């Protein structure tokens, strides 16, 4: 059974574009998983089982909706199946590193059913954004029945 992914880790990309995936996340994701463009200039990482769920949902989006077509293209065009090497690393393709502005240092976080890989610089900018406070977000969670 799939557990909840959570936590934050800091790693470095090597010269070949590989990064170590934390052992805790590897245990949940498995040896093979899907890496794709994420929102907010990060990368999303899904287990194959979770990716299958997402594919099913994407297939239900209406083709006559321009925004649905655009999102599906954005999400799937960058998707790649990855495999962990013996050192626990995964190669992040150039196109995905460029999307996420990843150069050297990364932050890897667990977000429930997915892992996100962020450029450290982009993560710090995002997490320190003065326009979005944790308290403000929490106040609106009641609207989502949380």
N, C-alpha and C. Protein backbone atom coordinates (compact mmCIF):
# COMPACT_ATOMS: atom_id res chain seq x y z
N UNK A 1 0.83 -1.17 0.00
CA UNK A 1 0.00 0.00 0.00
C UNK A 1 0.88 1.25 0.00
N UNK A 2 0.45 2.24 -0.69
CA UNK A 2 1.20 3.48 -0.86
C UNK A 2 1.00 4.37 0.36
N UNK A 3 2.11 4.83 0.94
CA UNK A 3 2.04 5.73 2.08
C UNK A 3 2.06 7.18 1.64
N UNK A 4 1.94 8.07 2.60
CA UNK A 4 1.97 9.50 2.30
C UNK A 4 3.42 9.95 2.19
N UNK A 5 3.71 10.71 1.15
CA UNK A 5 5.04 11.28 0.96
C UNK A 5 5.10 12.62 1.68
N UNK A 6 6.11 12.79 2.52
CA UNK A 6 6.25 14.05 3.24
C UNK A 6 7.70 14.24 3.64
N UNK A 7 8.04 15.47 3.93
CA UNK A 7 9.41 15.80 4.33
C UNK A 7 10.09 16.68 3.30
N UNK A 8 11.23 17.24 3.69
CA UNK A 8 12.00 18.12 2.82
C UNK A 8 13.47 17.75 2.91
N UNK A 9 14.14 17.66 1.76
CA UNK A 9 15.54 17.27 1.69
C UNK A 9 16.27 18.18 0.72
N UNK A 10 17.54 18.41 0.99
CA UNK A 10 18.36 19.23 0.12
C UNK A 10 19.44 18.36 -0.50
N UNK A 11 19.59 18.46 -1.82
CA UNK A 11 20.60 17.68 -2.54
C UNK A 11 21.24 18.53 -3.62
N UNK A 12 22.25 17.96 -4.26
CA UNK A 12 22.98 18.64 -5.34
C UNK A 12 22.90 17.80 -6.60
N UNK A 13 22.73 18.48 -7.74
CA UNK A 13 22.74 17.81 -9.05
C UNK A 13 24.20 17.61 -9.45
N UNK A 14 24.56 16.43 -9.95
CA UNK A 14 25.93 16.24 -10.41
C UNK A 14 26.09 16.76 -11.84
N UNK A 15 27.30 16.68 -12.37
CA UNK A 15 27.60 17.24 -13.70
C UNK A 15 26.81 16.58 -14.82
N UNK A 16 26.35 15.35 -14.60
CA UNK A 16 25.59 14.64 -15.63
C UNK A 16 24.08 14.87 -15.50
N UNK A 17 23.65 15.68 -14.51
CA UNK A 17 22.23 15.96 -14.34
C UNK A 17 21.51 14.95 -13.48
N UNK A 18 22.26 14.23 -12.64
CA UNK A 18 21.65 13.23 -11.75
C UNK A 18 21.52 13.78 -10.34
N UNK A 19 20.47 13.34 -9.66
CA UNK A 19 20.26 13.74 -8.27
C UNK A 19 19.86 12.50 -7.47
N UNK A 20 20.28 12.49 -6.22
CA UNK A 20 19.90 11.39 -5.32
C UNK A 20 18.47 11.64 -4.86
N UNK A 21 17.65 10.62 -4.98
CA UNK A 21 16.29 10.67 -4.44
C UNK A 21 16.36 10.10 -3.03
N UNK A 22 15.89 10.84 -2.04
CA UNK A 22 15.97 10.36 -0.65
C UNK A 22 15.39 8.94 -0.50
N UNK A 23 16.07 8.14 0.29
CA UNK A 23 15.68 6.74 0.48
C UNK A 23 14.22 6.59 0.88
N UNK A 24 13.75 7.48 1.75
CA UNK A 24 12.36 7.43 2.20
C UNK A 24 11.40 7.55 1.01
N UNK A 25 11.73 8.39 0.04
CA UNK A 25 10.89 8.57 -1.14
C UNK A 25 11.06 7.39 -2.10
N UNK A 26 12.28 6.88 -2.23
CA UNK A 26 12.51 5.72 -3.12
C UNK A 26 11.67 4.54 -2.68
N UNK A 27 11.57 4.35 -1.37
CA UNK A 27 10.77 3.24 -0.84
C UNK A 27 9.32 3.34 -1.29
N UNK A 28 8.78 4.55 -1.34
CA UNK A 28 7.38 4.76 -1.74
C UNK A 28 7.20 4.79 -3.26
N UNK A 29 8.15 5.39 -3.97
CA UNK A 29 8.02 5.53 -5.42
C UNK A 29 8.33 4.25 -6.18
N UNK A 30 9.22 3.44 -5.65
CA UNK A 30 9.65 2.23 -6.35
C UNK A 30 10.87 2.53 -7.22
N UNK A 31 11.37 1.50 -7.91
CA UNK A 31 12.57 1.66 -8.74
C UNK A 31 12.32 2.45 -10.01
N UNK A 32 11.09 2.43 -10.49
CA UNK A 32 10.70 3.19 -11.68
C UNK A 32 9.54 4.10 -11.31
N UNK A 33 9.56 5.31 -11.87
CA UNK A 33 8.50 6.27 -11.62
C UNK A 33 8.47 7.27 -12.76
N UNK A 34 7.51 8.19 -12.72
CA UNK A 34 7.36 9.18 -13.77
C UNK A 34 7.74 10.56 -13.24
N UNK A 35 8.53 11.25 -14.03
CA UNK A 35 8.97 12.60 -13.73
C UNK A 35 8.41 13.51 -14.83
N UNK A 36 7.81 14.63 -14.43
CA UNK A 36 7.21 15.53 -15.42
C UNK A 36 7.27 16.98 -14.95
N UNK A 37 6.91 17.88 -15.87
CA UNK A 37 6.81 19.30 -15.50
C UNK A 37 5.74 19.45 -14.44
N UNK A 38 6.04 20.26 -13.45
CA UNK A 38 5.06 20.56 -12.43
C UNK A 38 4.64 22.01 -12.54
N UNK A 39 3.76 22.38 -11.66
CA UNK A 39 3.31 23.76 -11.58
C UNK A 39 4.27 24.55 -10.69
N UNK A 40 4.22 25.85 -10.75
CA UNK A 40 5.05 26.72 -9.93
C UNK A 40 6.55 26.56 -10.19
N UNK A 41 6.92 26.15 -11.39
CA UNK A 41 8.34 25.97 -11.78
C UNK A 41 9.06 24.89 -10.99
N UNK A 42 8.38 23.79 -10.74
CA UNK A 42 9.05 22.65 -10.12
C UNK A 42 8.78 21.41 -10.99
N UNK A 43 9.29 20.28 -10.56
CA UNK A 43 9.02 19.01 -11.24
C UNK A 43 8.17 18.15 -10.32
N UNK A 44 7.27 17.38 -10.92
CA UNK A 44 6.44 16.44 -10.18
C UNK A 44 6.98 15.03 -10.43
N UNK A 45 6.99 14.22 -9.38
CA UNK A 45 7.43 12.83 -9.46
C UNK A 45 6.30 11.96 -8.92
N UNK A 46 5.88 10.98 -9.74
CA UNK A 46 4.78 10.10 -9.36
C UNK A 46 5.20 8.64 -9.44
N UNK A 47 4.72 7.83 -8.51
CA UNK A 47 4.88 6.38 -8.64
C UNK A 47 4.11 5.94 -9.89
N UNK A 48 4.44 4.78 -10.43
CA UNK A 48 3.73 4.30 -11.62
C UNK A 48 2.24 4.12 -11.34
N UNK A 49 1.89 3.68 -10.14
CA UNK A 49 0.48 3.49 -9.79
C UNK A 49 -0.25 4.84 -9.76
N UNK A 50 0.37 5.85 -9.15
CA UNK A 50 -0.26 7.17 -9.09
C UNK A 50 -0.33 7.80 -10.48
N UNK A 51 0.70 7.57 -11.29
CA UNK A 51 0.69 8.10 -12.67
C UNK A 51 -0.47 7.49 -13.46
N UNK A 52 -0.73 6.22 -13.25
CA UNK A 52 -1.85 5.57 -13.92
C UNK A 52 -3.17 6.26 -13.57
N UNK A 53 -3.33 6.64 -12.29
CA UNK A 53 -4.53 7.37 -11.86
C UNK A 53 -4.63 8.72 -12.58
N UNK A 54 -3.51 9.40 -12.70
CA UNK A 54 -3.50 10.71 -13.36
C UNK A 54 -3.84 10.56 -14.85
N UNK A 55 -3.26 9.56 -15.50
CA UNK A 55 -3.57 9.32 -16.92
C UNK A 55 -5.07 9.10 -17.11
N UNK A 56 -5.67 8.34 -16.21
CA UNK A 56 -7.10 8.07 -16.29
C UNK A 56 -7.89 9.38 -16.20
N UNK A 57 -7.50 10.24 -15.28
CA UNK A 57 -8.18 11.53 -15.12
C UNK A 57 -7.97 12.42 -16.34
N UNK A 58 -6.76 12.44 -16.88
CA UNK A 58 -6.47 13.28 -18.05
C UNK A 58 -7.31 12.85 -19.26
N UNK A 59 -7.56 11.55 -19.38
CA UNK A 59 -8.35 11.04 -20.51
C UNK A 59 -9.80 11.49 -20.46
N UNK A 60 -10.25 11.91 -19.28
CA UNK A 60 -11.64 12.36 -19.15
C UNK A 60 -11.81 13.85 -19.47
N UNK A 61 -10.69 14.57 -19.62
CA UNK A 61 -10.80 15.99 -19.92
C UNK A 61 -11.39 16.19 -21.32
N UNK A 62 -12.26 17.16 -21.49
CA UNK A 62 -12.93 17.36 -22.78
C UNK A 62 -11.98 17.93 -23.84
N UNK A 63 -11.90 17.26 -24.97
CA UNK A 63 -11.04 17.71 -26.06
C UNK A 63 -11.47 19.04 -26.65
N UNK A 64 -12.73 19.39 -26.50
CA UNK A 64 -13.21 20.65 -27.07
C UNK A 64 -12.84 21.86 -26.21
N UNK A 65 -12.20 21.65 -25.05
CA UNK A 65 -11.77 22.75 -24.18
C UNK A 65 -10.29 23.05 -24.42
N UNK A 66 -10.03 24.26 -24.85
CA UNK A 66 -8.67 24.67 -25.17
C UNK A 66 -7.74 24.53 -23.96
N UNK A 67 -8.21 24.94 -22.77
CA UNK A 67 -7.38 24.86 -21.57
C UNK A 67 -7.07 23.41 -21.19
N UNK A 68 -8.01 22.51 -21.41
CA UNK A 68 -7.80 21.09 -21.11
C UNK A 68 -6.74 20.51 -22.06
N UNK A 69 -6.83 20.85 -23.33
CA UNK A 69 -5.83 20.38 -24.30
C UNK A 69 -4.45 20.93 -23.95
N UNK A 70 -4.39 22.20 -23.62
CA UNK A 70 -3.11 22.84 -23.30
C UNK A 70 -2.48 22.20 -22.06
N UNK A 71 -3.29 21.98 -21.02
CA UNK A 71 -2.75 21.38 -19.80
C UNK A 71 -2.25 19.97 -20.06
N UNK A 72 -3.02 19.19 -20.80
CA UNK A 72 -2.62 17.81 -21.10
C UNK A 72 -1.31 17.79 -21.87
N UNK A 73 -1.18 18.68 -22.85
CA UNK A 73 0.07 18.75 -23.62
C UNK A 73 1.24 19.11 -22.71
N UNK A 74 1.06 20.16 -21.92
CA UNK A 74 2.11 20.62 -21.01
C UNK A 74 2.56 19.49 -20.09
N UNK A 75 1.61 18.81 -19.52
CA UNK A 75 1.88 17.79 -18.52
C UNK A 75 2.52 16.54 -19.13
N UNK A 76 1.99 16.08 -20.27
CA UNK A 76 2.46 14.83 -20.85
C UNK A 76 3.70 14.98 -21.72
N UNK A 77 3.87 16.12 -22.37
CA UNK A 77 5.02 16.28 -23.27
C UNK A 77 6.34 16.20 -22.52
N UNK A 78 6.35 16.64 -21.28
CA UNK A 78 7.59 16.59 -20.50
C UNK A 78 7.75 15.32 -19.69
N UNK A 79 6.77 14.46 -19.69
CA UNK A 79 6.80 13.27 -18.84
C UNK A 79 7.79 12.23 -19.35
N UNK A 80 8.49 11.64 -18.41
CA UNK A 80 9.44 10.58 -18.75
C UNK A 80 9.47 9.56 -17.62
N UNK A 81 9.58 8.30 -18.01
CA UNK A 81 9.71 7.24 -17.01
C UNK A 81 11.18 7.17 -16.61
N UNK A 82 11.44 7.22 -15.33
CA UNK A 82 12.80 7.22 -14.81
C UNK A 82 13.07 5.95 -14.00
N UNK A 83 14.35 5.64 -13.90
CA UNK A 83 14.75 4.49 -13.11
C UNK A 83 15.89 4.91 -12.18
N UNK A 84 15.82 4.43 -10.96
CA UNK A 84 16.84 4.73 -9.96
C UNK A 84 18.08 3.87 -10.23
N UNK A 85 19.27 4.48 -10.19
CA UNK A 85 20.48 3.68 -10.37
C UNK A 85 20.91 3.09 -9.02
N UNK A 86 22.01 2.36 -9.01
CA UNK A 86 22.45 1.66 -7.80
C UNK A 86 22.86 2.61 -6.67
N UNK A 87 23.15 3.87 -7.02
CA UNK A 87 23.51 4.86 -6.00
C UNK A 87 22.30 5.66 -5.53
N UNK A 88 21.10 5.30 -5.99
CA UNK A 88 19.88 6.00 -5.58
C UNK A 88 19.64 7.29 -6.34
N UNK A 89 20.30 7.43 -7.51
CA UNK A 89 20.17 8.65 -8.30
C UNK A 89 19.24 8.45 -9.48
N UNK A 90 18.73 9.59 -9.97
CA UNK A 90 17.92 9.59 -11.17
C UNK A 90 18.44 10.71 -12.07
N UNK A 91 18.44 10.47 -13.36
CA UNK A 91 18.84 11.48 -14.33
C UNK A 91 17.65 12.35 -14.66
N UNK A 92 17.81 13.66 -14.48
CA UNK A 92 16.74 14.60 -14.84
C UNK A 92 17.07 15.15 -16.23
N UNK A 93 16.22 14.87 -17.21
CA UNK A 93 16.49 15.35 -18.58
C UNK A 93 16.64 16.87 -18.63
N UNK A 94 17.45 17.33 -19.57
CA UNK A 94 17.71 18.76 -19.74
C UNK A 94 16.44 19.60 -19.80
N UNK A 95 15.46 19.17 -20.59
CA UNK A 95 14.24 19.95 -20.78
C UNK A 95 13.51 20.16 -19.46
N UNK A 96 13.57 19.16 -18.58
CA UNK A 96 12.92 19.30 -17.27
C UNK A 96 13.76 20.17 -16.33
N UNK A 97 15.09 20.04 -16.40
CA UNK A 97 15.94 20.91 -15.58
C UNK A 97 15.73 22.37 -15.98
N UNK A 98 15.60 22.62 -17.28
CA UNK A 98 15.36 23.99 -17.76
C UNK A 98 14.01 24.51 -17.27
N UNK A 99 12.97 23.68 -17.35
CA UNK A 99 11.64 24.09 -16.88
C UNK A 99 11.68 24.53 -15.42
N UNK A 100 12.38 23.75 -14.59
CA UNK A 100 12.41 24.01 -13.15
C UNK A 100 13.56 24.93 -12.73
N UNK A 101 14.32 25.42 -13.72
CA UNK A 101 15.45 26.33 -13.44
C UNK A 101 16.45 25.68 -12.49
N UNK A 102 16.64 24.36 -12.65
CA UNK A 102 17.56 23.62 -11.79
C UNK A 102 18.96 23.69 -12.37
N UNK A 103 19.88 24.14 -11.52
CA UNK A 103 21.27 24.25 -11.93
C UNK A 103 22.14 23.33 -11.08
N UNK A 104 22.19 23.58 -9.78
CA UNK A 104 23.07 22.80 -8.92
C UNK A 104 22.36 22.28 -7.66
N UNK A 105 21.81 23.18 -6.87
CA UNK A 105 21.20 22.78 -5.61
C UNK A 105 19.70 22.61 -5.78
N UNK A 106 19.15 21.53 -5.20
CA UNK A 106 17.72 21.27 -5.29
C UNK A 106 17.14 21.00 -3.91
N UNK A 107 15.85 21.26 -3.82
CA UNK A 107 15.07 20.90 -2.65
C UNK A 107 14.07 19.85 -3.13
N UNK A 108 13.99 18.74 -2.42
CA UNK A 108 13.08 17.66 -2.77
C UNK A 108 12.09 17.51 -1.63
N UNK A 109 10.80 17.66 -1.96
CA UNK A 109 9.78 17.62 -0.91
C UNK A 109 8.73 16.56 -1.23
N UNK A 110 8.17 15.99 -0.18
CA UNK A 110 7.04 15.07 -0.32
C UNK A 110 5.76 15.85 -0.15
N UNK A 111 4.83 15.65 -1.09
CA UNK A 111 3.56 16.36 -1.06
C UNK A 111 2.44 15.33 -1.25
N UNK A 112 2.19 14.55 -0.21
CA UNK A 112 1.13 13.55 -0.20
C UNK A 112 1.37 12.43 -1.20
N UNK A 113 0.80 12.53 -2.41
CA UNK A 113 0.91 11.43 -3.38
C UNK A 113 1.99 11.67 -4.43
N UNK A 114 2.77 12.75 -4.28
CA UNK A 114 3.83 13.02 -5.25
C UNK A 114 5.04 13.61 -4.52
N UNK A 115 6.15 13.60 -5.23
CA UNK A 115 7.36 14.28 -4.79
C UNK A 115 7.54 15.47 -5.72
N UNK A 116 8.03 16.58 -5.18
CA UNK A 116 8.36 17.73 -6.01
C UNK A 116 9.85 17.99 -5.90
N UNK A 117 10.45 18.33 -7.05
CA UNK A 117 11.87 18.69 -7.10
C UNK A 117 11.94 20.14 -7.53
N UNK A 118 12.56 20.96 -6.69
CA UNK A 118 12.65 22.41 -6.90
C UNK A 118 14.10 22.84 -6.99
N UNK A 119 14.37 23.85 -7.79
CA UNK A 119 15.62 24.57 -7.69
C UNK A 119 15.62 25.19 -6.30
N UNK A 120 16.73 25.14 -5.58
CA UNK A 120 16.77 25.71 -4.23
C UNK A 120 16.40 27.19 -4.28
N UNK A 121 16.91 27.89 -5.27
CA UNK A 121 16.64 29.33 -5.39
C UNK A 121 15.14 29.59 -5.60
N UNK A 122 14.52 28.82 -6.49
CA UNK A 122 13.09 28.99 -6.77
C UNK A 122 12.27 28.62 -5.53
N UNK A 123 12.66 27.54 -4.84
CA UNK A 123 11.94 27.12 -3.63
C UNK A 123 11.98 28.20 -2.55
N UNK A 124 13.17 28.77 -2.34
CA UNK A 124 13.30 29.81 -1.31
C UNK A 124 12.45 31.02 -1.67
N UNK A 125 12.46 31.38 -2.94
CA UNK A 125 11.63 32.51 -3.38
C UNK A 125 10.14 32.20 -3.16
N UNK A 126 9.74 30.99 -3.55
CA UNK A 126 8.34 30.58 -3.40
C UNK A 126 7.94 30.53 -1.93
N UNK A 127 8.74 29.85 -1.12
CA UNK A 127 8.37 29.64 0.28
C UNK A 127 8.47 30.92 1.12
N UNK A 128 9.22 31.89 0.65
CA UNK A 128 9.33 33.16 1.36
C UNK A 128 8.45 34.25 0.78
N UNK A 129 7.58 33.88 -0.14
CA UNK A 129 6.73 34.85 -0.81
C UNK A 129 5.84 35.56 0.22
N UNK A 130 5.99 36.86 0.29
CA UNK A 130 5.23 37.62 1.29
C UNK A 130 3.75 37.75 0.94
N UNK A 131 3.40 37.47 -0.32
CA UNK A 131 2.00 37.58 -0.72
C UNK A 131 1.15 36.40 -0.24
N UNK A 132 1.80 35.29 0.06
CA UNK A 132 1.06 34.10 0.48
C UNK A 132 1.57 33.70 1.86
N UNK A 133 0.76 33.88 2.86
CA UNK A 133 1.17 33.45 4.20
C UNK A 133 0.45 32.15 4.55
N UNK A 134 1.13 31.34 5.34
CA UNK A 134 0.57 30.08 5.77
C UNK A 134 -0.75 30.28 6.49
N UNK A 135 -0.82 31.31 7.29
CA UNK A 135 -2.04 31.59 8.04
C UNK A 135 -3.21 31.94 7.11
N UNK A 136 -2.93 32.74 6.07
CA UNK A 136 -3.99 33.10 5.11
C UNK A 136 -4.51 31.87 4.38
N UNK A 137 -3.60 31.00 3.98
CA UNK A 137 -4.00 29.78 3.28
C UNK A 137 -4.84 28.91 4.22
N UNK A 138 -4.39 28.76 5.46
CA UNK A 138 -5.09 27.92 6.43
C UNK A 138 -6.51 28.39 6.67
N UNK A 139 -6.71 29.71 6.67
CA UNK A 139 -8.06 30.25 6.88
C UNK A 139 -9.04 29.80 5.81
N UNK A 140 -8.55 29.56 4.59
CA UNK A 140 -9.41 29.20 3.48
C UNK A 140 -9.57 27.70 3.28
N UNK A 141 -8.86 26.91 4.05
CA UNK A 141 -8.97 25.47 3.91
C UNK A 141 -10.35 24.95 4.31
N UNK A 142 -11.03 25.67 5.16
CA UNK A 142 -12.38 25.28 5.55
C UNK A 142 -13.29 25.23 4.32
N UNK A 143 -13.03 26.11 3.35
CA UNK A 143 -13.80 26.10 2.10
C UNK A 143 -13.64 24.80 1.34
N UNK A 144 -12.52 24.09 1.60
CA UNK A 144 -12.24 22.83 0.93
C UNK A 144 -12.59 21.63 1.81
N UNK A 145 -13.26 21.87 2.91
CA UNK A 145 -13.64 20.83 3.88
C UNK A 145 -12.43 20.16 4.52
N UNK A 146 -11.40 20.94 4.80
CA UNK A 146 -10.21 20.40 5.45
C UNK A 146 -10.12 20.94 6.86
